[in-house]
């Protein structure tokens, strides 16, 4: 692990001085390598799939793990999409001149070495590494044991792309063991080499990273996302937004877990929205006000308001106006994504201003909490912290900045 860190640090220093054209060439070559190595990648994936079946992993886990020709092609296209993004390194974020003639610029620079720990999806190997290369960072990848062979086959293509573009192959490295002790060492004993860690996976993985890391962590623990149906909500829009926010994909962090309904419209809006959810196969857990209107709703417990179901289950509460909705989100939310549905622009502005989550939306589904939907090309994950990155973490968010000061011989007076 120490040798990985030392090599990554050297590669990061070299990569930080490269041009955007060189990094794009590496990504384009990696995309070509993925296509030419598709059969090798799929064969490696079959070894992982066979082992996963022997371990009786769930159908959803097997689906996340599986690679075929279409999914390999999607990885290659993903790299080419990242190539087309603007160069995040060297951007002038701000500039000004002082009365003494000093000209000051704040310029985007790479973070350095990024450690990324993720679970079963082998495509994360390509996505995460590509974003790091694009932003001039070296990366140490530690994929899940389930995808060990698949991820290493993809990693070989990334390294080949770097080397064919004349860049150090060590800019992308992969932990060569499934031993969990390697994760612990990466988190606790590599602060000299690793500048930031990004976890991508389930709650237990992210909790471990946050608890054990001795370097900064970019990520989120839970996605307890809310949709607030204000008194000024259009009923059809409210139904469509809630249905999509919950049921489009129930297992993603941007899926809505709680609906808050304004008391002023609860008697008319609750049946309209909840009947659509029930028809779609969603279980409803409601407070007394909800259950008095929706006979099929189960009683919501205190625990439900702070539960990330990641399933076709949703909690529903009636609230007394926008202040109560904001207070509920502050108390139970995880700082991920919240949406208000209303045609009242003043109420929307209040909600967007008062709710302090990484992503706030007006008249839109919480499932837009995604780097691709934000035009970032791809993302490593969603960050809910308040330092450095918030929301989707794409190539721009994998940079920091430095101050560049140009003078003409100025000296500071005593």
Foldseek 3Di string as FASTA:
>chain_A
DVVLLVLQQVQLVVLQPDDLVLLLQLLLQLLVLLLVCVVVLQVLLVVLLVVCVVVVDDPVLSVLQHDDNVNSNVLSVLSNLLSPDDQLFFDFPDWDADPQGKIKTKTWTFLEEEEEEEERRLSLLSQVLSLQSSLSYAYEYEYHPSNLRSNVSSLVSSLVSQVVSVGHSSSYHYDNDNDCVVVLCVFAPSVVRHAEYEYYYALVRVVVSVVRHPHHYFAFRAQAEEEEEAPQFDLVLVQVQLCCLCPVQLQDSLRHAEYEYEPNCCLPNLCSNVVSLVVSPAAEAEDPVSCVRPVRHHHDDPVSLQDSPSDRYHYYYYAHGDVRVLVSCVVRPRLAEYEYGHPDVVSQVCNVVSRRHLYYYYSHHSVCQACVSVVLSHASHAGGDDPQDHGGHGSNSSIDIDMDIDDDPDDDDD
